[in-house]
Protein backbone atom coordinates (compact mmCIF):
# COMPACT_ATOMS: atom_id res chain seq x y z
CA MET A 1 -31.79 90.88 20.27
CA MET A 2 -29.15 93.19 18.70
CA ILE A 3 -25.81 94.21 20.81
CA LYS A 4 -25.99 97.51 22.38
CA THR A 5 -23.30 100.02 21.71
CA LEU A 6 -22.43 102.91 24.15
CA HIS A 7 -19.81 105.55 24.25
CA LEU A 8 -17.47 105.72 26.92
CA ASN A 9 -17.59 109.32 27.65
CA ARG A 10 -21.40 110.01 26.68
CA ASP A 11 -22.76 106.98 28.17
CA LYS A 12 -21.25 106.82 31.46
CA LYS A 13 -24.06 106.10 33.76
CA LYS A 14 -25.25 103.37 31.52
CA LEU A 15 -21.93 101.89 31.41
CA GLU A 16 -21.76 101.80 35.21
CA LEU A 17 -25.06 99.97 35.34
CA PHE A 18 -23.66 97.30 32.94
CA LEU A 19 -20.76 96.81 34.90
CA LYS A 20 -22.24 96.74 38.17
CA LYS A 21 -24.32 93.67 36.82
CA ARG A 22 -21.20 91.28 36.32
CA GLN A 23 -21.10 90.93 40.25
CA THR A 24 -21.81 87.10 40.99
CA ASP A 25 -24.83 86.87 43.72
CA ILE A 26 -25.45 83.64 45.59
CA THR A 27 -27.27 84.85 48.59
CA GLU A 28 -30.67 83.70 46.94
CA VAL A 29 -29.46 80.13 46.56
CA MET A 30 -27.20 79.79 49.90
CA PRO A 31 -30.58 78.71 52.20
CA VAL A 32 -31.09 75.75 49.89
CA VAL A 33 -27.34 74.85 49.61
CA GLU A 34 -27.03 75.07 53.29
CA ARG A 35 -29.98 72.60 53.86
CA ILE A 36 -28.11 70.38 51.45
CA CYS A 37 -24.78 70.41 52.84
CA GLU A 38 -25.89 69.75 56.32
CA GLU A 39 -28.14 67.00 55.32
CA ILE A 40 -25.17 65.08 53.54
CA ARG A 41 -22.80 65.91 56.56
CA ILE A 42 -25.26 64.47 59.02
CA ASN A 43 -26.72 61.58 56.64
CA GLY A 44 -24.08 60.71 54.20
CA ASP A 45 -24.96 58.23 51.49
CA ARG A 46 -28.78 58.35 52.47
CA ALA A 47 -28.94 61.94 51.88
CA LEU A 48 -26.55 61.70 48.68
CA LEU A 49 -29.04 59.00 47.22
CA LYS A 50 -32.05 61.28 47.92
CA TYR A 51 -30.72 64.35 46.42
CA THR A 52 -29.07 62.55 43.18
CA LYS A 53 -32.76 61.21 42.70
CA LYS A 54 -34.44 64.80 43.35
CA PHE A 55 -32.05 66.83 41.41
CA ASP A 56 -30.35 64.63 39.02
CA ARG A 57 -33.38 62.42 38.55
CA TRP A 58 -31.69 59.27 38.80
CA HIS A 59 -32.63 56.74 41.31
CA ALA A 60 -29.78 54.94 42.45
CA GLY A 61 -30.59 51.72 44.24
CA LYS A 62 -27.77 51.78 46.41
CA ALA A 63 -24.60 54.04 47.05
CA SER A 64 -22.19 51.55 45.51
CA GLN A 65 -23.88 52.53 42.14
CA ILE A 66 -22.54 55.96 42.24
CA LYS A 67 -19.07 54.98 41.40
CA VAL A 68 -18.42 54.47 37.94
CA THR A 69 -16.94 51.06 37.27
CA LYS A 70 -13.79 49.67 35.10
CA LYS A 71 -16.34 48.30 32.80
CA GLU A 72 -18.31 51.47 32.10
CA MET A 73 -14.96 53.18 31.29
CA LYS A 74 -14.16 50.65 28.61
CA GLU A 75 -17.64 50.83 27.31
CA ALA A 76 -17.22 54.65 27.00
CA SER A 77 -13.76 54.31 25.15
CA ARG A 78 -15.47 52.26 22.58
CA LYS A 79 -18.38 54.63 22.32
CA VAL A 80 -16.12 57.63 21.38
CA ASP A 81 -14.72 57.93 17.73
CA ALA A 82 -10.95 57.62 17.14
CA ALA A 83 -10.49 61.06 16.02
CA PHE A 84 -11.82 62.42 19.34
CA LEU A 85 -9.32 60.36 21.20
CA LYS A 86 -6.51 61.52 18.91
CA SER A 87 -7.53 65.14 19.88
CA LEU A 88 -7.78 64.43 23.61
CA LYS A 89 -4.09 63.07 23.25
CA ILE A 90 -2.78 66.01 21.49
CA ALA A 91 -4.66 68.38 24.10
CA LYS A 92 -3.36 66.51 26.62
CA ALA A 93 0.55 66.81 25.57
CA ASN A 94 0.30 70.61 25.43
CA ILE A 95 -1.38 71.13 28.46
CA GLU A 96 1.14 68.65 30.07
CA SER A 97 3.89 70.38 28.49
CA PHE A 98 2.58 73.88 29.89
CA HIS A 99 2.08 72.75 33.50
CA GLU A 100 5.37 71.03 33.62
CA ARG A 101 7.12 74.26 33.36
CA GLN A 102 5.01 75.52 35.98
CA LYS A 103 6.52 73.02 38.38
CA GLU A 104 10.17 74.20 37.53
CA GLY A 105 11.23 75.83 40.55
CA ARG A 106 8.66 74.24 42.91
CA LYS A 107 11.30 72.01 44.54
CA THR A 108 12.14 72.02 48.29
CA TRP A 109 15.31 74.28 48.64
CA HIS A 110 17.19 75.73 51.51
CA GLN A 111 19.72 78.48 52.74
CA GLU A 112 22.39 78.00 55.25
CA LYS A 113 24.11 80.73 57.40
CA ARG A 114 26.51 79.70 60.27
CA GLY A 115 24.42 77.97 62.73
CA LEU A 116 20.94 78.52 60.96
CA ILE A 117 19.19 76.86 58.06
CA VAL A 118 15.94 77.81 56.58
CA GLY A 119 13.96 76.43 53.71
CA GLU A 120 10.85 75.60 51.84
CA LYS A 121 9.54 72.02 51.33
CA TYR A 122 7.01 71.58 48.62
CA VAL A 123 4.44 68.78 49.03
CA PRO A 124 1.68 67.77 46.84
CA LEU A 125 -1.91 67.72 48.33
CA GLU A 126 -2.99 63.92 49.21
CA LYS A 127 -6.69 64.20 47.72
CA ILE A 128 -8.79 66.35 45.48
CA GLY A 129 -12.10 66.50 44.31
CA ILE A 130 -12.61 67.76 40.65
CA TYR A 131 -16.50 68.83 39.74
CA VAL A 132 -16.97 68.57 36.13
CA PRO A 133 -20.55 70.00 35.07
CA GLY A 134 -22.81 67.67 33.39
CA GLY A 135 -26.58 67.18 32.53
CA LYS A 136 -27.32 68.51 29.09
CA ALA A 137 -23.57 69.61 28.59
CA CYS A 138 -20.55 67.84 27.79
CA TYR A 139 -17.14 69.25 29.21
CA PRO A 140 -14.22 66.73 28.48
CA SER A 141 -11.80 70.20 28.24
CA THR A 142 -12.65 70.47 31.94
CA VAL A 143 -11.21 67.15 32.89
CA LEU A 144 -8.17 67.63 31.00
CA MET A 145 -7.61 71.13 32.57
CA ASN A 146 -8.21 70.11 36.27
CA VAL A 147 -6.89 66.58 36.09
CA ILE A 148 -3.58 66.92 34.30
CA PRO A 149 -1.91 70.04 36.54
CA ALA A 150 -2.93 67.91 39.74
CA GLN A 151 -1.30 64.68 38.18
CA ILE A 152 1.81 66.97 37.36
CA ALA A 153 1.81 68.40 41.22
CA GLY A 154 1.89 65.00 42.26
CA VAL A 155 -1.53 64.34 43.97
CA GLU A 156 -2.29 60.96 45.04
CA ARG A 157 -5.88 60.53 44.77
CA ILE A 158 -7.97 62.58 42.12
CA ILE A 159 -11.64 62.25 41.98
CA ILE A 160 -14.12 63.32 39.78
CA ALA A 161 -18.03 64.12 40.81
CA THR A 162 -20.12 64.90 37.52
CA PRO A 163 -23.94 64.72 37.15
CA PRO A 164 -25.57 61.50 35.67
CA SER A 165 -28.07 61.19 33.00
CA PRO A 166 -31.77 59.96 34.41
CA GLU A 167 -30.41 56.66 33.58
CA GLY A 168 -27.49 56.90 35.57
CA LYS A 169 -24.99 57.03 32.70
CA ILE A 170 -22.05 59.68 32.06
CA ASN A 171 -21.16 61.00 29.04
CA PRO A 172 -18.78 58.83 27.27
CA TYR A 173 -16.59 61.98 25.96
CA VAL A 174 -16.21 62.98 29.65
CA LEU A 175 -15.02 59.27 30.66
CA ALA A 176 -13.01 59.00 27.77
CA ALA A 177 -11.05 62.28 29.03
CA ALA A 178 -11.00 61.25 32.48
CA ASP A 179 -9.19 58.12 31.64
CA THR A 180 -6.85 59.96 29.04
CA ALA A 181 -5.92 62.48 32.05
CA GLY A 182 -5.21 59.96 34.62
CA ALA A 183 -8.20 60.31 37.25
CA HIS A 184 -8.48 57.99 39.69
CA GLU A 185 -12.12 57.72 40.62
CA ILE A 186 -15.23 58.96 39.11
CA PHE A 187 -18.60 59.28 40.82
CA LYS A 188 -22.13 59.92 39.55
CA ILE A 189 -23.35 62.89 41.67
CA GLY A 190 -23.89 66.55 40.70
CA GLY A 191 -24.72 69.98 42.12
CA ALA A 192 -24.44 71.04 45.82
CA GLN A 193 -24.72 67.60 47.08
CA ALA A 194 -21.51 66.41 45.03
CA ILE A 195 -19.58 69.31 46.85
CA ALA A 196 -20.86 68.54 50.30
CA ALA A 197 -20.16 64.92 49.56
CA MET A 198 -16.26 65.34 48.89
CA ALA A 199 -16.00 67.93 51.18
CA PHE A 200 -17.48 66.08 54.40
CA GLY A 201 -16.93 62.64 53.01
CA THR A 202 -19.43 59.55 53.22
CA LYS A 203 -19.04 55.73 53.32
CA THR A 204 -18.98 56.03 49.23
CA ILE A 205 -17.29 59.20 48.62
CA PRO A 206 -13.98 59.95 50.35
CA ALA A 207 -13.54 63.55 52.07
CA VAL A 208 -10.86 65.45 49.98
CA ASP A 209 -8.23 68.06 51.02
CA LYS A 210 -9.44 70.54 47.95
CA ILE A 211 -12.27 71.04 45.67
CA ALA A 212 -11.60 72.36 42.23
CA GLY A 213 -13.76 72.94 38.84
CA PRO A 214 -16.66 75.12 37.66
CA GLY A 215 -20.26 74.83 38.40
CA ASN A 216 -23.70 76.64 38.36
CA THR A 217 -24.77 78.93 41.24
CA TYR A 218 -25.57 76.08 43.71
CA VAL A 219 -22.00 74.53 42.92
CA ALA A 220 -20.29 77.93 43.64
CA ALA A 221 -22.42 78.72 46.76
CA ALA A 222 -21.54 75.23 48.14
CA LYS A 223 -17.78 75.80 47.26
CA LEU A 224 -18.16 79.19 49.48
CA LEU A 225 -19.65 77.37 52.09
CA ILE A 226 -17.54 74.33 52.58
CA GLN A 227 -14.57 76.78 52.67
CA GLN A 228 -16.27 78.90 55.65
CA LYS A 229 -17.48 75.63 57.48
CA THR A 230 -14.72 73.17 56.98
CA ASN A 231 -10.88 72.68 56.76
CA VAL A 232 -11.26 72.12 52.95
CA GLY A 233 -10.03 74.47 50.24
CA ILE A 234 -11.52 75.28 46.85
CA ASP A 235 -9.77 76.75 43.77
CA MET A 236 -12.02 79.63 43.09
CA LEU A 237 -15.72 80.98 42.47
CA ALA A 238 -16.59 80.37 39.25
CA GLY A 239 -19.23 83.14 37.79
CA PRO A 240 -20.47 83.26 34.30
CA THR A 241 -17.90 83.24 31.66
CA GLU A 242 -16.80 86.56 30.05
CA ILE A 243 -14.51 87.91 27.44
CA VAL A 244 -13.31 91.47 26.52
CA ILE A 245 -12.09 92.35 23.05
CA ILE A 246 -10.00 95.18 22.27
CA ALA A 247 -10.04 96.10 18.70
CA ASP A 248 -8.61 98.84 16.48
CA GLU A 249 -9.90 100.30 13.27
CA LYS A 250 -7.71 97.75 11.45
CA ALA A 251 -9.36 94.63 13.37
CA ASN A 252 -11.28 92.25 11.34
CA ALA A 253 -15.29 92.55 12.23
CA GLY A 254 -15.82 88.91 11.24
CA PHE A 255 -13.44 87.61 13.84
CA VAL A 256 -14.43 89.77 16.38
CA ALA A 257 -17.77 88.88 15.96
CA ALA A 258 -17.53 85.09 15.75
CA ASP A 259 -15.64 85.31 19.19
CA VAL A 260 -18.37 87.31 20.41
CA LEU A 261 -20.97 84.43 19.61
CA SER A 262 -18.49 81.79 20.66
CA GLN A 263 -18.58 83.50 24.05
CA ALA A 264 -22.20 83.97 24.07
CA GLU A 265 -23.18 80.55 23.67
CA HIS A 266 -21.77 79.38 27.08
CA GLY A 267 -24.98 80.93 28.59
CA ALA A 268 -27.46 83.71 28.76
CA ASP A 269 -25.48 85.07 31.49
CA SER A 270 -22.27 85.12 29.93
CA ALA A 271 -20.90 88.30 28.90
CA ALA A 272 -18.93 89.58 25.49
CA VAL A 273 -17.64 93.26 25.68
CA VAL A 274 -16.07 94.74 22.49
CA ILE A 275 -14.00 97.97 23.18
CA THR A 276 -13.11 99.72 19.91
CA THR A 277 -11.58 103.21 18.84
CA SER A 278 -13.41 102.77 15.69
CA GLY A 279 -17.24 103.80 15.35
CA LYS A 280 -17.00 102.22 11.69
CA LEU A 281 -15.88 98.44 13.41
CA ALA A 282 -18.74 98.83 15.95
CA ARG A 283 -21.05 99.21 13.31
CA ASP A 284 -19.38 96.33 11.12
CA VAL A 285 -19.19 93.91 14.07
CA ARG A 286 -22.96 94.43 14.74
CA ARG A 287 -23.84 93.84 11.18
CA GLU A 288 -21.69 90.74 11.03
CA ILE A 289 -23.34 89.43 14.46
CA ASP A 290 -26.60 89.97 12.85
CA LYS A 291 -25.86 88.37 9.58
CA ARG A 292 -24.42 85.42 11.22
CA ILE A 293 -27.49 84.96 13.40
CA LYS A 294 -29.75 85.20 10.48
CA GLU A 295 -27.94 82.77 8.35
CA PRO A 296 -29.89 79.61 7.73
CA ASP A 297 -27.20 77.48 9.32
CA HIS A 298 -27.44 79.49 12.61
CA SER A 299 -30.78 78.35 13.22
CA ARG A 300 -29.75 74.82 13.75
CA VAL A 301 -27.02 75.89 16.51
CA VAL A 302 -27.99 74.26 19.63
CA ARG A 303 -27.61 77.34 21.58
CA SER A 304 -28.88 79.81 19.46
CA ASP A 305 -31.86 81.20 21.79
CA ILE A 306 -28.98 81.31 24.50
CA ILE A 307 -26.91 83.58 22.24
CA ALA A 308 -29.60 85.63 21.51
CA LYS A 309 -30.48 86.37 25.32
CA CYS A 310 -26.72 86.92 26.15
CA LEU A 311 -26.20 89.19 23.48
CA ALA A 312 -29.56 91.41 24.10
CA GLU A 313 -28.77 91.26 27.82
CA ASN A 314 -25.00 90.90 28.93
CA SER A 315 -23.13 91.93 26.13
CA ILE A 316 -21.95 95.46 24.78
CA ILE A 317 -19.97 97.46 22.36
CA ILE A 318 -17.97 100.38 23.89
CA ILE A 319 -16.70 103.06 21.80
CA VAL A 320 -13.20 104.83 23.26
CA ASP A 321 -11.30 107.57 22.11
CA THR A 322 -7.73 105.77 22.57
CA ILE A 323 -6.27 102.06 22.82
CA ASP A 324 -4.94 103.26 26.28
CA ALA A 325 -8.40 104.25 27.32
CA ALA A 326 -9.47 100.79 26.11
CA ILE A 327 -6.69 98.93 28.06
CA GLU A 328 -7.58 100.91 31.44
CA LEU A 329 -11.55 100.02 30.94
CA ALA A 330 -10.30 96.36 30.33
CA ASN A 331 -8.21 96.62 33.78
CA ARG A 332 -10.91 97.97 35.40
CA ILE A 333 -13.09 95.13 34.25
CA ALA A 334 -10.56 92.46 34.81
CA PRO A 335 -12.09 89.87 32.40
CA GLU A 336 -11.60 86.22 32.40
CA HIS A 337 -10.69 86.26 28.56
CA LEU A 338 -9.12 89.36 27.20
CA GLU A 339 -8.28 89.73 23.52
CA LEU A 340 -6.12 92.03 21.82
CA GLN A 341 -6.93 92.41 18.14
CA THR A 342 -5.01 95.50 17.17
CA ALA A 343 -1.85 96.52 15.23
CA ARG A 344 0.51 96.12 18.25
CA PRO A 345 -1.16 93.38 20.57
CA TRP A 346 2.51 92.92 22.29
CA GLU A 347 3.02 96.59 23.35
CA CYS A 348 -0.69 96.61 24.46
CA MET A 349 -0.08 93.13 26.35
CA GLU A 350 2.63 95.28 28.37
CA LYS A 351 -0.18 97.48 29.82
CA VAL A 352 -2.46 94.63 31.09
CA ARG A 353 -2.76 94.21 34.57
CA ASN A 354 -5.93 92.24 35.12
CA ALA A 355 -7.04 89.31 33.14
CA GLY A 356 -7.26 85.58 33.52
CA ALA A 357 -5.69 84.69 29.96
CA VAL A 358 -4.81 87.20 27.01
CA PHE A 359 -5.06 86.26 23.59
CA LEU A 360 -3.06 88.25 21.19
CA GLY A 361 -3.56 88.87 17.53
CA ASP A 362 -6.09 87.89 14.85
CA TYR A 363 -5.51 84.31 14.75
CA THR A 364 -5.74 83.31 18.53
CA PRO A 365 -9.30 82.89 19.22
CA PRO A 366 -10.27 81.91 22.88
CA SER A 367 -11.22 78.38 21.41
CA LEU A 368 -7.53 77.70 20.89
CA GLY A 369 -7.06 78.17 24.58
CA ASP A 370 -10.11 76.66 25.69
CA TYR A 371 -9.08 73.33 24.20
CA MET A 372 -5.52 72.85 23.03
CA ALA A 373 -2.96 75.50 23.43
CA GLY A 374 -1.60 74.60 26.73
CA PRO A 375 -2.40 77.29 29.55
CA ASN A 376 -5.29 76.53 31.79
CA HIS A 377 -8.84 77.34 30.63
CA VAL A 378 -10.08 77.63 34.42
CA LEU A 379 -9.71 81.30 34.92
CA PRO A 380 -10.91 83.94 37.42
CA THR A 381 -13.95 85.54 36.47
CA ALA A 382 -16.41 88.65 37.61
CA GLY A 383 -13.49 91.05 38.17
CA ARG A 384 -11.23 88.42 40.24
CA ALA A 385 -8.45 88.56 38.15
CA ARG A 386 -7.61 91.80 39.97
CA PHE A 387 -6.32 89.47 42.69
CA SER A 388 -6.34 85.93 41.50
CA SER A 389 -4.70 83.66 38.76
CA PRO A 390 -5.91 80.74 36.52
CA LEU A 391 -5.50 77.36 37.85
CA GLY A 392 -2.26 75.54 37.63
CA VAL A 393 0.12 73.07 39.31
CA ASP A 394 0.51 75.49 42.46
CA ASP A 395 -3.26 74.84 43.37
CA PHE A 396 -2.29 71.34 44.09
CA LEU A 397 0.67 72.05 46.01
CA LYS A 398 1.52 73.25 49.38
CA LYS A 399 4.46 74.93 51.21
CA THR A 400 5.93 73.99 54.31
CA ASN A 401 8.64 76.46 55.82
CA PHE A 402 11.24 74.64 58.11
CA ILE A 403 13.93 75.98 60.04
CA PHE A 404 16.88 74.82 62.23
CA SER A 405 19.33 76.68 64.62
CA ASP A 406 22.10 75.73 66.58
CA ARG A 407 22.82 77.02 70.16
CA MET A 408 25.33 79.67 69.03
CA TYR A 409 22.97 81.06 66.45
CA LEU A 410 20.32 81.17 69.11
CA LYS A 411 22.29 82.89 71.52
CA GLN A 412 23.20 85.75 68.74
CA SER A 413 19.65 86.14 68.30
CA GLN A 414 18.56 86.11 71.88
CA GLU A 415 18.32 89.89 72.46
CA THR A 416 16.53 90.69 69.21
CA ILE A 417 13.65 87.93 69.89
CA VAL A 418 13.45 88.81 73.36
CA ARG A 419 12.90 92.57 72.67
CA LEU A 420 10.20 91.95 70.01
CA ALA A 421 8.68 89.27 72.13
CA GLU A 422 8.31 91.67 74.82
CA SER A 423 7.17 94.32 72.86
CA GLU A 424 4.05 92.03 72.02
CA GLY A 425 3.53 91.03 75.49
CA PHE A 426 4.64 87.68 75.13
CA ASP A 427 7.08 87.01 78.01
CA ALA A 428 6.29 82.96 77.64
CA HIS A 429 7.84 83.47 74.08
CA ALA A 430 11.18 85.65 75.26
CA GLU A 431 11.31 82.60 78.19
CA ALA A 432 11.44 79.91 75.63
CA VAL A 433 14.67 81.49 74.36
CA ARG A 434 16.15 82.47 77.71
CA ILE A 435 15.96 78.92 79.01
CA ARG A 436 17.83 77.14 76.24
CA ILE A 437 20.70 79.71 76.45
CA GLU A 438 20.79 79.91 80.59
CA ASN A 439 20.76 75.91 80.24
């Protein structure tokens, strides 16, 4: 159960094997997901009811029952406590403030030369679908992080799909968050069938332009499939969550251990990696983790078994010689969350190239970012931070280029256009210019 310790220089082969494990593999579930999506495409609501009964264990008598009603929304507001609603509003204000700044500059603009006008027009997506994981878990924060940037972007219709309980109920905390954030419609469907329904559309579920939100392997496979086979976009492929903590000899071992455990409780396939220049800190962190797990209160933690498995199978402490080596390794891992518990965290951040979000200093746990700091917590996983970014307003906006030319500008440009077109063998392109000037 104890987290393992490796040395970067002495244990290179073991480290390579550990890093290789982090690749997301959805090939095993893809055949099942393909069958589900194809049946939803062909049979619509009928297939949706079938899979809702099979996977969500809820037998909806008719398709209209899949949609959450206004009455259910009001009931949910009464079921949650006032302190939770207050917390939602504080988090919403911070998330809105951050994403409003993202939208600055995303406005239609143009440049003018003599005879030529070029520019970009920003347009929000019309309809988006947001998947919110459910079942045993409850993720109101996921609702806020997806709905709020879509709202700020100006999306006209925001739809949520989330798995119901076997009684056909949605967690009241999720519904309260959806109401606070401003979602327009909520449907009681989960899994690959929910992704397919939002992609293809049924009589009950509208087809959307893009689907966002995390989920299990089946949800990830369905998102990949609809991206390949339809004209519906997706935000990103979300793999198991992960954290890398860079800590020097002055870091607080208790803080590091607490953040390792908080990440481990997401799931047994989550990953927590501590990279440190101090052998003493590595030992202290192991000791702190062990102590916390053995505390009487820890046995009452809902996910204690999950934490133990994550620590044993997917977590590690790596000892390196220098902080620069630690940052180099972190850039290679490209983690979803990166903590810098070092003496000079701001200097370290200048060297960070690949991370979904960076948490600086001793008093910035990922929990702060997960719930209410403001930046989005939907982040690239499985090394995708090398080339992709956190969810934000841009994910719900699209750009359209526009061009205007008068006859004089086209005449001046004729020779350049014709030469380039003919070099590519596109004589008709050249003729489309000539005809305008000759006439």
